[in-house]
Amino acid sequence: MNLPMQKASKVYLERNVQNSLITNPGNSAKRSLWAQRRKVMENSGKIYSPLGVKMKSSDSLFEHSLEIFGFLLKLTGLFRFGNRLAKNIRVNEFDLYFDNLPKKFDGYKILQLTDLHIDKFQGLDEIIIDTVKDISADLCVMTGDFRASDDGPYEQIMAPMSRVVRAIKASDGIYAVLGNHDDHQLGLSLENRLGVQLLANEQAVIERGSQRLLIAGADDVNRFYTTDAEQVLETPEDEFAIALVHSPEMAEQASNGGISLYLCGHTHGGQVCLPGGKPLVTHLCRNKELASGSWNVGKMVGYTSSGAGVSGPPVRFFSRGEVTLIHLRKGSPK
């Protein structure tokens, strides 16, 4: 496996059976079982969500509505304006405070990229690279939706993703979970060819001496939900655990499982919003109130990034694209 170089850290996979088995991520029988089951779900023509199973074709009306919306934007001249806004990606940098953060991780910097949809329009990779090139982080996390289409080929994203990965400076490497637009082969290619560490309902640990962060990466739950996604969010009480999930739809389960920080995307912050940033569409089956920005569920802090890319018409209105740079701070929450 082509893993990124790790500095001052050790990375393990931890199975949730009393944390008794520790191996390298991706080298377990559990990973093989995940890939087989994911393939069956991808080929089923169904959507598996926490609320149940439905046929994927039921979304065709919405997709047709998007086509009409894009056509109307071009008729009114708003398309070019919205497309310029979609290309105006910012670095959203802020601090988050935690009483239970291990002292050696005070000031730890996490760069989050999500919903790149990197083949949506030409030059998007260069915009993202220009946005991240001057950032030095400890850890980079990618929370899904790497390609524009939600099925079909993925090879077209490998070259632009390779350029983005090379531009990222993160001493503890890059970790990723998949979104509802990503199939299992895409995820394995990101791992094996680009050195991005995939977490498919798996946990990893980053150490600083005797102290550590636990990273719990759930597979997409918006379209490919299984109970494994809930199990991976169950963590020991004495751990500071960060959840990577494509959408905020597992927030309650993560909070109950002992997660301290939940990072996600999926909603694009609404992408096309009302003035003030209120989303018209969230694409969430639940937790729609968590569609954008910072939030809390129980003692857990969450952040839903608006993402760097777009889906549907390549426009944004009242919702700016972003990459997120989070500074973990030890202390009382503010």
C-alpha atoms as a PDB file:
ATOM      1  CA  MET A   1       0.000   0.000   0.000  1.00  0.00           C
ATOM      2  CA  ASN A   2       1.296   3.423  -0.934  1.00  0.00           C
ATOM      3  CA  LEU A   3       0.853   5.275   2.350  1.00  0.00           C
ATOM      4  CA  PRO A   4       1.809   8.943   2.775  1.00  0.00           C
ATOM      5  CA  MET A   5       4.890   9.577   4.899  1.00  0.00           C
ATOM      6  CA  GLN A   6       4.012   9.986   8.550  1.00  0.00           C
ATOM      7  CA  LYS A   7       5.938  12.391  10.815  1.00  0.00           C
ATOM      8  CA  ALA A   8       5.851  12.019  14.604  1.00  0.00           C
ATOM      9  CA  SER A   9       2.847   9.744  14.338  1.00  0.00           C
ATOM     10  CA  LYS A  10       1.834   6.108  14.123  1.00  0.00           C
ATOM     11  CA  VAL A  11      -1.296   5.058  12.334  1.00  0.00           C
ATOM     12  CA  TYR A  12      -3.347   1.969  13.110  1.00  0.00           C
ATOM     13  CA  LEU A  13      -6.663   0.460  12.269  1.00  0.00           C
ATOM     14  CA  GLU A  14      -8.727  -0.319  15.342  1.00  0.00           C
ATOM     15  CA  ARG A  15     -11.602  -2.736  15.156  1.00  0.00           C
ATOM     16  CA  ASN A  16     -14.501  -2.048  17.463  1.00  0.00           C
ATOM     17  CA  VAL A  17     -14.361  -5.442  19.189  1.00  0.00           C
ATOM     18  CA  GLN A  18     -13.151  -4.146  22.555  1.00  0.00           C
ATOM     19  CA  ASN A  19     -10.309  -2.405  20.635  1.00  0.00           C
ATOM     20  CA  SER A  20      -8.507  -5.741  20.840  1.00  0.00           C
ATOM     21  CA  LEU A  21      -7.146  -6.048  17.300  1.00  0.00           C
ATOM     22  CA  ILE A  22      -4.808  -3.455  15.824  1.00  0.00           C
ATOM     23  CA  THR A  23      -3.579  -3.745  12.230  1.00  0.00           C
ATOM     24  CA  ASN A  24      -2.765  -1.465   9.321  1.00  0.00           C
ATOM     25  CA  PRO A  25      -5.813   0.250   7.770  1.00  0.00           C
ATOM     26  CA  GLY A  26      -7.117  -1.508   4.695  1.00  0.00           C
ATOM     27  CA  ASN A  27      -5.320  -4.792   5.294  1.00  0.00           C
ATOM     28  CA  SER A  28      -8.112  -6.608   7.077  1.00  0.00           C
ATOM     29  CA  ALA A  29     -10.747  -9.101   6.064  1.00  0.00           C
ATOM     30  CA  LYS A  30     -13.254  -6.476   7.178  1.00  0.00           C
ATOM     31  CA  ARG A  31     -12.065  -4.159   4.400  1.00  0.00           C
ATOM     32  CA  SER A  32     -12.606  -6.906   1.807  1.00  0.00           C
ATOM     33  CA  LEU A  33     -16.097  -7.550   3.137  1.00  0.00           C
ATOM     34  CA  TRP A  34     -16.838  -3.821   2.974  1.00  0.00           C
ATOM     35  CA  ALA A  35     -15.742  -3.657  -0.696  1.00  0.00           C
ATOM     36  CA  GLN A  36     -17.889  -6.651  -1.644  1.00  0.00           C
ATOM     37  CA  ARG A  37     -20.971  -5.290   0.097  1.00  0.00           C
ATOM     38  CA  ARG A  38     -20.402  -1.779  -1.274  1.00  0.00           C
ATOM     39  CA  LYS A  39     -20.230  -3.178  -4.822  1.00  0.00           C
ATOM     40  CA  VAL A  40     -23.569  -4.939  -4.386  1.00  0.00           C
ATOM     41  CA  MET A  41     -25.177  -1.727  -3.110  1.00  0.00           C
ATOM     42  CA  GLU A  42     -23.697   0.328  -5.947  1.00  0.00           C
ATOM     43  CA  ASN A  43     -25.132  -2.046  -8.548  1.00  0.00           C
ATOM     44  CA  SER A  44     -28.543  -2.387  -6.915  1.00  0.00           C
ATOM     45  CA  GLY A  45     -30.116   0.800  -8.233  1.00  0.00           C
ATOM     46  CA  LYS A  46     -31.244   1.547  -4.678  1.00  0.00           C
ATOM     47  CA  ILE A  47     -30.499   4.169  -2.064  1.00  0.00           C
ATOM     48  CA  TYR A  48     -29.701   2.865   1.428  1.00  0.00           C
ATOM     49  CA  SER A  49     -30.229   5.546   4.070  1.00  0.00           C
ATOM     50  CA  PRO A  50     -30.723   5.464   7.854  1.00  0.00           C
ATOM     51  CA  LEU A  51     -34.462   5.821   7.179  1.00  0.00           C
ATOM     52  CA  GLY A  52     -34.711   2.821   4.868  1.00  0.00           C
ATOM     53  CA  VAL A  53     -34.263   1.726   1.262  1.00  0.00           C
ATOM     54  CA  LYS A  54     -35.749   3.296  -1.852  1.00  0.00           C
ATOM     55  CA  MET A  55     -35.200   3.062  -5.582  1.00  0.00           C
ATOM     56  CA  LYS A  56     -32.652   5.515  -6.929  1.00  0.00           C
ATOM     57  CA  SER A  57     -34.916   6.363  -9.878  1.00  0.00           C
ATOM     58  CA  SER A  58     -37.179   8.244  -7.480  1.00  0.00           C
ATOM     59  CA  ASP A  59     -34.702  11.153  -7.654  1.00  0.00           C
ATOM     60  CA  SER A  60     -35.103  11.578 -11.433  1.00  0.00           C
ATOM     61  CA  LEU A  61     -37.732  14.328 -11.028  1.00  0.00           C
ATOM     62  CA  PHE A  62     -35.291  16.412  -8.985  1.00  0.00           C
ATOM     63  CA  GLU A  63     -32.534  15.914 -11.554  1.00  0.00           C
ATOM     64  CA  HIS A  64     -34.899  17.071 -14.316  1.00  0.00           C
ATOM     65  CA  SER A  65     -35.738  20.140 -12.226  1.00  0.00           C
ATOM     66  CA  LEU A  66     -32.034  20.969 -11.995  1.00  0.00           C
ATOM     67  CA  GLU A  67     -31.750  20.886 -15.772  1.00  0.00           C
ATOM     68  CA  ILE A  68     -34.652  23.333 -16.081  1.00  0.00           C
ATOM     69  CA  PHE A  69     -33.123  25.555 -13.407  1.00  0.00           C
ATOM     70  CA  GLY A  70     -29.791  25.679 -15.268  1.00  0.00           C
ATOM     71  CA  PHE A  71     -31.577  26.514 -18.523  1.00  0.00           C
ATOM     72  CA  LEU A  72     -33.467  29.389 -16.876  1.00  0.00           C
ATOM     73  CA  LEU A  73     -30.243  30.748 -15.378  1.00  0.00           C
ATOM     74  CA  LYS A  74     -28.697  30.922 -18.841  1.00  0.00           C
ATOM     75  CA  LEU A  75     -31.784  32.660 -20.245  1.00  0.00           C
ATOM     76  CA  THR A  76     -31.662  35.352 -17.561  1.00  0.00           C
ATOM     77  CA  GLY A  77     -27.893  35.876 -17.727  1.00  0.00           C
ATOM     78  CA  LEU A  78     -27.403  34.799 -14.111  1.00  0.00           C
ATOM     79  CA  PHE A  79     -25.452  31.677 -15.040  1.00  0.00           C
ATOM     80  CA  ARG A  80     -22.133  33.459 -15.630  1.00  0.00           C
ATOM     81  CA  PHE A  81     -22.484  35.414 -12.402  1.00  0.00           C
ATOM     82  CA  GLY A  82     -23.290  32.287 -10.401  1.00  0.00           C
ATOM     83  CA  ASN A  83     -20.422  30.400 -12.039  1.00  0.00           C
ATOM     84  CA  ARG A  84     -17.967  33.129 -11.045  1.00  0.00           C
ATOM     85  CA  LEU A  85     -19.235  32.854  -7.483  1.00  0.00           C
ATOM     86  CA  ALA A  86     -18.756  29.070  -7.594  1.00  0.00           C
ATOM     87  CA  LYS A  87     -15.095  29.580  -8.492  1.00  0.00           C
ATOM     88  CA  ASN A  88     -14.520  32.002  -5.612  1.00  0.00           C
ATOM     89  CA  ILE A  89     -13.354  29.512  -2.973  1.00  0.00           C
ATOM     90  CA  ARG A  90     -12.144  30.798   0.388  1.00  0.00           C
ATOM     91  CA  VAL A  91     -10.074  29.432   3.266  1.00  0.00           C
ATOM     92  CA  ASN A  92     -12.368  29.373   6.301  1.00  0.00           C
ATOM     93  CA  GLU A  93     -10.034  29.327   9.317  1.00  0.00           C
ATOM     94  CA  PHE A  94     -11.171  29.168  12.935  1.00  0.00           C
ATOM     95  CA  ASP A  95     -10.451  27.733  16.402  1.00  0.00           C
ATOM     96  CA  LEU A  96     -12.423  25.047  18.228  1.00  0.00           C
ATOM     97  CA  TYR A  97     -11.974  24.512  21.981  1.00  0.00           C
ATOM     98  CA  PHE A  98     -12.207  21.209  23.857  1.00  0.00           C
ATOM     99  CA  ASP A  99     -11.628  20.506  27.539  1.00  0.00           C
ATOM    100  CA  ASN A 100     -10.719  16.883  26.788  1.00  0.00           C
ATOM    101  CA  LEU A 101      -8.208  17.587  24.014  1.00  0.00           C
ATOM    102  CA  PRO A 102      -4.833  15.950  24.819  1.00  0.00           C
ATOM    103  CA  LYS A 103      -2.352  18.671  25.726  1.00  0.00           C
ATOM    104  CA  LYS A 104       0.155  17.687  23.043  1.00  0.00           C
ATOM    105  CA  PHE A 105      -2.492  18.341  20.373  1.00  0.00           C
ATOM    106  CA  ASP A 106      -3.195  21.891  21.521  1.00  0.00           C
ATOM    107  CA  GLY A 107      -2.849  23.962  18.326  1.00  0.00           C
ATOM    108  CA  TYR A 108      -3.202  20.935  16.032  1.00  0.00           C
ATOM    109  CA  LYS A 109      -4.297  22.059  12.546  1.00  0.00           C
ATOM    110  CA  ILE A 110      -6.791  20.095  10.456  1.00  0.00           C
ATOM    111  CA  LEU A 111      -7.390  20.974   6.820  1.00  0.00           C
ATOM    112  CA  GLN A 112     -10.786  19.747   5.608  1.00  0.00           C
ATOM    113  CA  LEU A 113     -11.676  19.407   1.934  1.00  0.00           C
ATOM    114  CA  THR A 114     -15.067  18.096   0.930  1.00  0.00           C
ATOM    115  CA  ASP A 115     -17.397  17.815  -2.060  1.00  0.00           C
ATOM    116  CA  LEU A 116     -14.686  18.610  -4.597  1.00  0.00           C
ATOM    117  CA  HIS A 117     -16.667  17.204  -7.569  1.00  0.00           C
ATOM    118  CA  ILE A 118     -13.378  17.903  -9.246  1.00  0.00           C
ATOM    119  CA  ASP A 119     -14.398  17.012 -12.804  1.00  0.00           C
ATOM    120  CA  LYS A 120     -17.450  19.287 -12.770  1.00  0.00           C
ATOM    121  CA  PHE A 121     -15.732  21.996 -14.797  1.00  0.00           C
ATOM    122  CA  GLN A 122     -12.278  22.521 -16.250  1.00  0.00           C
ATOM    123  CA  GLY A 123      -9.761  24.267 -14.041  1.00  0.00           C
ATOM    124  CA  LEU A 124     -11.417  23.473 -10.722  1.00  0.00           C
ATOM    125  CA  ASP A 125      -8.340  21.553  -9.566  1.00  0.00           C
ATOM    126  CA  GLU A 126      -6.146  24.607 -10.187  1.00  0.00           C
ATOM    127  CA  ILE A 127      -8.526  26.797  -8.158  1.00  0.00           C
ATOM    128  CA  ILE A 128      -8.386  24.346  -5.250  1.00  0.00           C
ATOM    129  CA  ILE A 129      -4.596  24.076  -5.499  1.00  0.00           C
ATOM    130  CA  ASP A 130      -4.261  27.861  -5.444  1.00  0.00           C
ATOM    131  CA  THR A 131      -6.454  27.926  -2.339  1.00  0.00           C
ATOM    132  CA  VAL A 132      -4.471  25.333  -0.335  1.00  0.00           C
ATOM    133  CA  LYS A 133      -0.912  25.860  -1.583  1.00  0.00           C
ATOM    134  CA  ASP A 134       0.135  28.215   1.235  1.00  0.00           C
ATOM    135  CA  ILE A 135      -1.464  26.172   4.033  1.00  0.00           C
ATOM    136  CA  SER A 136       0.651  23.997   6.317  1.00  0.00           C
ATOM    137  CA  ALA A 137      -1.497  21.625   8.374  1.00  0.00           C
ATOM    138  CA  ASP A 138      -0.876  18.698  10.671  1.00  0.00           C
ATOM    139  CA  LEU A 139      -3.643  16.590   9.146  1.00  0.00           C
ATOM    140  CA  CYS A 140      -5.760  16.773   5.997  1.00  0.00           C
ATOM    141  CA  VAL A 141      -9.175  15.125   5.901  1.00  0.00           C
ATOM    142  CA  MET A 142     -11.380  14.686   2.832  1.00  0.00           C
ATOM    143  CA  THR A 143     -15.033  13.960   3.526  1.00  0.00           C
ATOM    144  CA  GLY A 144     -16.271  12.585   0.234  1.00  0.00           C
ATOM    145  CA  ASP A 145     -17.788  13.333  -3.189  1.00  0.00           C
ATOM    146  CA  PHE A 146     -14.678  13.466  -5.335  1.00  0.00           C
ATOM    147  CA  ARG A 147     -16.362  13.166  -8.741  1.00  0.00           C
ATOM    148  CA  ALA A 148     -19.278  15.009 -10.355  1.00  0.00           C
ATOM    149  CA  SER A 149     -21.448  12.078 -11.426  1.00  0.00           C
ATOM    150  CA  ASP A 150     -22.802   9.671  -8.844  1.00  0.00           C
ATOM    151  CA  ASP A 151     -21.985   6.648 -11.006  1.00  0.00           C
ATOM    152  CA  GLY A 152     -20.012   5.671 -14.090  1.00  0.00           C
ATOM    153  CA  PRO A 153     -16.275   6.133 -14.694  1.00  0.00           C
ATOM    154  CA  TYR A 154     -13.900   7.760 -12.234  1.00  0.00           C
ATOM    155  CA  GLU A 155     -10.560   7.626 -14.052  1.00  0.00           C
ATOM    156  CA  GLN A 156     -11.040  11.214 -15.220  1.00  0.00           C
ATOM    157  CA  ILE A 157     -10.568  12.489 -11.657  1.00  0.00           C
ATOM    158  CA  MET A 158      -7.282  10.736 -10.925  1.00  0.00           C
ATOM    159  CA  ALA A 159      -4.995  13.247 -12.658  1.00  0.00           C
ATOM    160  CA  PRO A 160      -6.579  16.367 -11.090  1.00  0.00           C
ATOM    161  CA  MET A 161      -6.805  14.644  -7.712  1.00  0.00           C
ATOM    162  CA  SER A 162      -3.138  13.727  -7.962  1.00  0.00           C
ATOM    163  CA  ARG A 163      -2.275  17.388  -8.499  1.00  0.00           C
ATOM    164  CA  VAL A 164      -4.384  18.436  -5.518  1.00  0.00           C
ATOM    165  CA  VAL A 165      -2.840  15.767  -3.271  1.00  0.00           C
ATOM    166  CA  ARG A 166       0.681  16.890  -4.217  1.00  0.00           C
ATOM    167  CA  ALA A 167      -0.200  20.479  -3.296  1.00  0.00           C
ATOM    168  CA  ILE A 168      -1.387  19.572   0.207  1.00  0.00           C
ATOM    169  CA  LYS A 169       1.099  19.957   3.049  1.00  0.00           C
ATOM    170  CA  ALA A 170      -0.024  17.827   6.003  1.00  0.00           C
ATOM    171  CA  SER A 171       2.651  16.180   8.137  1.00  0.00           C
ATOM    172  CA  ASP A 172       0.341  13.413   9.406  1.00  0.00           C
ATOM    173  CA  GLY A 173      -1.002  12.619   5.963  1.00  0.00           C
ATOM    174  CA  ILE A 174      -4.386  12.674   4.253  1.00  0.00           C
ATOM    175  CA  TYR A 175      -7.389  10.655   5.411  1.00  0.00           C
ATOM    176  CA  ALA A 176     -10.585  10.274   3.423  1.00  0.00           C
ATOM    177  CA  VAL A 177     -14.073   8.845   3.571  1.00  0.00           C
ATOM    178  CA  LEU A 178     -16.364   8.325   0.602  1.00  0.00           C
ATOM    179  CA  GLY A 179     -19.527  10.217  -0.304  1.00  0.00           C
ATOM    180  CA  ASN A 180     -22.697   9.304  -2.142  1.00  0.00           C
ATOM    181  CA  HIS A 181     -21.023  10.164  -5.502  1.00  0.00           C
ATOM    182  CA  ASP A 182     -18.082   7.820  -4.883  1.00  0.00           C
ATOM    183  CA  ASP A 183     -17.883   4.089  -5.582  1.00  0.00           C
ATOM    184  CA  HIS A 184     -15.561   1.693  -3.791  1.00  0.00           C
ATOM    185  CA  GLN A 185     -13.113   1.422  -6.714  1.00  0.00           C
ATOM    186  CA  LEU A 186     -12.632   5.185  -6.690  1.00  0.00           C
ATOM    187  CA  GLY A 187     -11.798   5.074  -2.998  1.00  0.00           C
ATOM    188  CA  LEU A 188      -9.353   2.208  -3.399  1.00  0.00           C
ATOM    189  CA  SER A 189      -7.649   4.034  -6.280  1.00  0.00           C
ATOM    190  CA  LEU A 190      -7.222   7.171  -4.176  1.00  0.00           C
ATOM    191  CA  GLU A 191      -5.562   4.990  -1.550  1.00  0.00           C
ATOM    192  CA  ASN A 192      -3.418   2.697  -3.694  1.00  0.00           C
ATOM    193  CA  ARG A 193      -2.395   5.188  -6.380  1.00  0.00           C
ATOM    194  CA  LEU A 194      -2.326   8.556  -4.607  1.00  0.00           C
ATOM    195  CA  GLY A 195      -1.472   7.570  -1.029  1.00  0.00           C
ATOM    196  CA  VAL A 196      -4.692   8.941   0.482  1.00  0.00           C
ATOM    197  CA  GLN A 197      -5.583   6.791   3.492  1.00  0.00           C
ATOM    198  CA  LEU A 198      -9.157   5.568   3.044  1.00  0.00           C
ATOM    199  CA  LEU A 199     -11.219   4.907   6.160  1.00  0.00           C
ATOM    200  CA  ALA A 200     -14.123   2.618   5.233  1.00  0.00           C
ATOM    201  CA  ASN A 201     -15.909   2.182   8.577  1.00  0.00           C
ATOM    202  CA  GLU A 202     -12.463   2.061  10.159  1.00  0.00           C
ATOM    203  CA  GLN A 203     -10.558   3.909  12.844  1.00  0.00           C
ATOM    204  CA  ALA A 204      -7.037   5.309  12.836  1.00  0.00           C
ATOM    205  CA  VAL A 205      -4.847   6.716  15.590  1.00  0.00           C
ATOM    206  CA  ILE A 206      -2.380   9.612  15.467  1.00  0.00           C
ATOM    207  CA  GLU A 207       0.091   9.704  18.328  1.00  0.00           C
ATOM    208  CA  ARG A 208       2.209  12.360  19.998  1.00  0.00           C
ATOM    209  CA  GLY A 209       4.266  10.455  22.521  1.00  0.00           C
ATOM    210  CA  SER A 210       1.809   8.798  24.903  1.00  0.00           C
ATOM    211  CA  GLN A 211      -1.117  10.972  23.802  1.00  0.00           C
ATOM    212  CA  ARG A 212      -3.273  10.418  20.756  1.00  0.00           C
ATOM    213  CA  LEU A 213      -6.202  11.377  18.562  1.00  0.00           C
ATOM    214  CA  LEU A 214      -8.626   8.752  17.318  1.00  0.00           C
ATOM    215  CA  ILE A 215     -10.019   9.248  13.794  1.00  0.00           C
ATOM    216  CA  ALA A 216     -13.273   7.377  13.081  1.00  0.00           C
ATOM    217  CA  GLY A 217     -14.118   7.286   9.376  1.00  0.00           C
ATOM    218  CA  ALA A 218     -17.629   6.190   8.391  1.00  0.00           C
ATOM    219  CA  ASP A 219     -18.610   5.182   4.877  1.00  0.00           C
ATOM    220  CA  ASP A 220     -21.305   7.345   3.253  1.00  0.00           C
ATOM    221  CA  VAL A 221     -24.654   7.003   5.019  1.00  0.00           C
ATOM    222  CA  ASN A 222     -26.751   9.106   2.633  1.00  0.00           C
ATOM    223  CA  ARG A 223     -26.805   6.413  -0.060  1.00  0.00           C
ATOM    224  CA  PHE A 224     -24.774   3.463   1.303  1.00  0.00           C
ATOM    225  CA  TYR A 225     -25.808   3.215   4.945  1.00  0.00           C
ATOM    226  CA  THR A 226     -24.995   0.105   6.970  1.00  0.00           C
ATOM    227  CA  THR A 227     -24.881  -0.463  10.719  1.00  0.00           C
ATOM    228  CA  ASP A 228     -21.076  -0.584  10.454  1.00  0.00           C
ATOM    229  CA  ALA A 229     -21.188   3.205  10.159  1.00  0.00           C
ATOM    230  CA  GLU A 230     -22.780   3.408  13.599  1.00  0.00           C
ATOM    231  CA  GLN A 231     -20.362   0.924  15.126  1.00  0.00           C
ATOM    232  CA  VAL A 232     -17.258   2.789  13.967  1.00  0.00           C
ATOM    233  CA  LEU A 233     -18.533   5.907  15.780  1.00  0.00           C
ATOM    234  CA  GLU A 234     -18.471   4.092  19.133  1.00  0.00           C
ATOM    235  CA  THR A 235     -15.295   5.143  20.948  1.00  0.00           C
ATOM    236  CA  PRO A 236     -13.765   4.647  24.417  1.00  0.00           C
ATOM    237  CA  GLU A 237     -14.660   7.312  26.975  1.00  0.00           C
ATOM    238  CA  ASP A 238     -11.042   8.338  27.514  1.00  0.00           C
ATOM    239  CA  GLU A 239     -10.330   9.014  23.816  1.00  0.00           C
ATOM    240  CA  PHE A 240     -10.496  12.324  21.999  1.00  0.00           C
ATOM    241  CA  ALA A 241     -12.213  11.135  18.840  1.00  0.00           C
ATOM    242  CA  ILE A 242     -12.848  12.905  15.543  1.00  0.00           C
ATOM    243  CA  ALA A 243     -15.536  11.564  13.207  1.00  0.00           C
ATOM    244  CA  LEU A 244     -15.239  11.878   9.438  1.00  0.00           C
ATOM    245  CA  VAL A 245     -18.635  11.341   7.827  1.00  0.00           C
ATOM    246  CA  HIS A 246     -19.802  12.597   4.451  1.00  0.00           C
ATOM    247  CA  SER A 247     -23.042  14.079   5.824  1.00  0.00           C
ATOM    248  CA  PRO A 248     -24.353  15.222   9.240  1.00  0.00           C
ATOM    249  CA  GLU A 249     -26.950  12.461   9.235  1.00  0.00           C
ATOM    250  CA  MET A 250     -25.128  10.448  11.946  1.00  0.00           C
ATOM    251  CA  ALA A 251     -24.717  13.298  14.425  1.00  0.00           C
ATOM    252  CA  GLU A 252     -26.808  11.811  17.246  1.00  0.00           C
ATOM    253  CA  GLN A 253     -25.161   8.402  16.940  1.00  0.00           C
ATOM    254  CA  ALA A 254     -21.706   9.994  16.976  1.00  0.00           C
ATOM    255  CA  SER A 255     -22.502  12.113  20.023  1.00  0.00           C
ATOM    256  CA  ASN A 256     -23.843   9.064  21.858  1.00  0.00           C
ATOM    257  CA  GLY A 257     -20.734   7.127  20.802  1.00  0.00           C
ATOM    258  CA  GLY A 258     -18.355   9.553  22.490  1.00  0.00           C
ATOM    259  CA  ILE A 259     -17.163  11.562  19.465  1.00  0.00           C
ATOM    260  CA  SER A 260     -15.819  15.020  20.341  1.00  0.00           C
ATOM    261  CA  LEU A 261     -15.605  16.570  16.845  1.00  0.00           C
ATOM    262  CA  TYR A 262     -17.697  15.656  13.784  1.00  0.00           C
ATOM    263  CA  LEU A 263     -16.547  16.874  10.351  1.00  0.00           C
ATOM    264  CA  CYS A 264     -18.781  16.524   7.297  1.00  0.00           C
ATOM    265  CA  GLY A 265     -20.086  18.131   4.116  1.00  0.00           C
ATOM    266  CA  HIS A 266     -22.532  16.837   1.475  1.00  0.00           C
ATOM    267  CA  THR A 267     -24.923  19.805   1.529  1.00  0.00           C
ATOM    268  CA  HIS A 268     -22.651  22.338  -0.236  1.00  0.00           C
ATOM    269  CA  GLY A 269     -24.021  24.751   2.362  1.00  0.00           C
ATOM    270  CA  GLY A 270     -27.134  24.739   0.189  1.00  0.00           C
ATOM    271  CA  GLN A 271     -25.126  25.952  -2.863  1.00  0.00           C
ATOM    272  CA  VAL A 272     -28.119  28.019  -4.004  1.00  0.00           C
ATOM    273  CA  CYS A 273     -29.510  29.771  -0.952  1.00  0.00           C
ATOM    274  CA  LEU A 274     -31.852  32.571  -0.004  1.00  0.00           C
ATOM    275  CA  PRO A 275     -30.272  35.869   1.101  1.00  0.00           C
ATOM    276  CA  GLY A 276     -28.667  35.239   4.474  1.00  0.00           C
ATOM    277  CA  GLY A 277     -27.542  31.755   3.472  1.00  0.00           C
ATOM    278  CA  LYS A 278     -30.700  29.730   4.147  1.00  0.00           C
ATOM    279  CA  PRO A 279     -30.483  26.570   1.994  1.00  0.00           C
ATOM    280  CA  LEU A 280     -33.308  25.800  -0.406  1.00  0.00           C
ATOM    281  CA  VAL A 281     -32.199  22.153  -0.678  1.00  0.00           C
ATOM    282  CA  THR A 282     -30.014  20.158   1.746  1.00  0.00           C
ATOM    283  CA  HIS A 283     -30.159  16.592   0.306  1.00  0.00           C
ATOM    284  CA  LEU A 284     -30.438  15.296   3.873  1.00  0.00           C
ATOM    285  CA  CYS A 285     -32.894  12.645   5.011  1.00  0.00           C
ATOM    286  CA  ARG A 286     -32.587  13.945   8.580  1.00  0.00           C
ATOM    287  CA  ASN A 287     -30.722  16.610  10.628  1.00  0.00           C
ATOM    288  CA  LYS A 288     -31.529  19.279   8.036  1.00  0.00           C
ATOM    289  CA  GLU A 289     -30.874  21.959  10.656  1.00  0.00           C
ATOM    290  CA  LEU A 290     -27.190  20.901  10.580  1.00  0.00           C
ATOM    291  CA  ALA A 291     -26.790  21.723   6.882  1.00  0.00           C
ATOM    292  CA  SER A 292     -24.192  24.469   7.269  1.00  0.00           C
ATOM    293  CA  GLY A 293     -21.488  25.760   9.585  1.00  0.00           C
ATOM    294  CA  SER A 294     -20.814  24.980  13.251  1.00  0.00           C
ATOM    295  CA  TRP A 295     -23.277  23.185  15.498  1.00  0.00           C
ATOM    296  CA  ASN A 296     -23.527  21.120  18.672  1.00  0.00           C
ATOM    297  CA  VAL A 297     -25.274  17.842  19.453  1.00  0.00           C
ATOM    298  CA  GLY A 298     -24.942  17.034  23.114  1.00  0.00           C
ATOM    299  CA  LYS A 299     -21.316  17.651  24.097  1.00  0.00           C
ATOM    300  CA  MET A 300     -20.120  17.030  20.544  1.00  0.00           C
ATOM    301  CA  VAL A 301     -19.024  19.872  18.261  1.00  0.00           C
ATOM    302  CA  GLY A 302     -19.806  19.538  14.565  1.00  0.00           C
ATOM    303  CA  TYR A 303     -18.947  21.397  11.405  1.00  0.00           C
ATOM    304  CA  THR A 304     -20.680  21.049   8.033  1.00  0.00           C
ATOM    305  CA  SER A 305     -18.462  22.541   5.346  1.00  0.00           C
ATOM    306  CA  SER A 306     -20.000  24.135   2.260  1.00  0.00           C
ATOM    307  CA  GLY A 307     -17.304  22.355   0.231  1.00  0.00           C
ATOM    308  CA  ALA A 308     -15.093  23.412  -2.627  1.00  0.00           C
ATOM    309  CA  GLY A 309     -17.115  22.062  -5.551  1.00  0.00           C
ATOM    310  CA  VAL A 310     -20.650  22.125  -6.901  1.00  0.00           C
ATOM    311  CA  SER A 311     -23.231  19.713  -8.288  1.00  0.00           C
ATOM    312  CA  GLY A 312     -26.051  20.331 -10.702  1.00  0.00           C
ATOM    313  CA  PRO A 313     -25.603  23.700 -12.445  1.00  0.00           C
ATOM    314  CA  PRO A 314     -22.058  24.895 -11.612  1.00  0.00           C
ATOM    315  CA  VAL A 315     -23.236  28.012  -9.777  1.00  0.00           C
ATOM    316  CA  ARG A 316     -23.472  29.357  -6.243  1.00  0.00           C
ATOM    317  CA  PHE A 317     -25.725  32.020  -4.773  1.00  0.00           C
ATOM    318  CA  PHE A 318     -25.461  33.215  -1.153  1.00  0.00           C
ATOM    319  CA  SER A 319     -23.249  30.214  -0.306  1.00  0.00           C
ATOM    320  CA  ARG A 320     -19.508  30.523  -0.787  1.00  0.00           C
ATOM    321  CA  GLY A 321     -17.311  27.498  -1.465  1.00  0.00           C
ATOM    322  CA  GLU A 322     -14.579  26.786   1.048  1.00  0.00           C
ATOM    323  CA  VAL A 323     -11.740  24.709   2.328  1.00  0.00           C
ATOM    324  CA  THR A 324     -11.646  24.629   6.105  1.00  0.00           C
ATOM    325  CA  LEU A 325      -8.648  25.056   8.409  1.00  0.00           C
ATOM    326  CA  ILE A 326      -9.473  24.145  11.999  1.00  0.00           C
ATOM    327  CA  HIS A 327      -7.145  24.839  14.934  1.00  0.00           C
ATOM    328  CA  LEU A 328      -7.817  22.496  17.856  1.00  0.00           C
ATOM    329  CA  ARG A 329      -7.415  24.306  21.168  1.00  0.00           C
ATOM    330  CA  LYS A 330      -7.387  22.927  24.684  1.00  0.00           C
ATOM    331  CA  GLY A 331      -9.748  24.796  26.958  1.00  0.00           C
ATOM    332  CA  SER A 332     -13.368  25.561  27.659  1.00  0.00           C
ATOM    333  CA  PRO A 333     -15.580  25.688  24.566  1.00  0.00           C
ATOM    334  CA  LYS A 334     -16.198  29.175  23.211  1.00  0.00           C
END
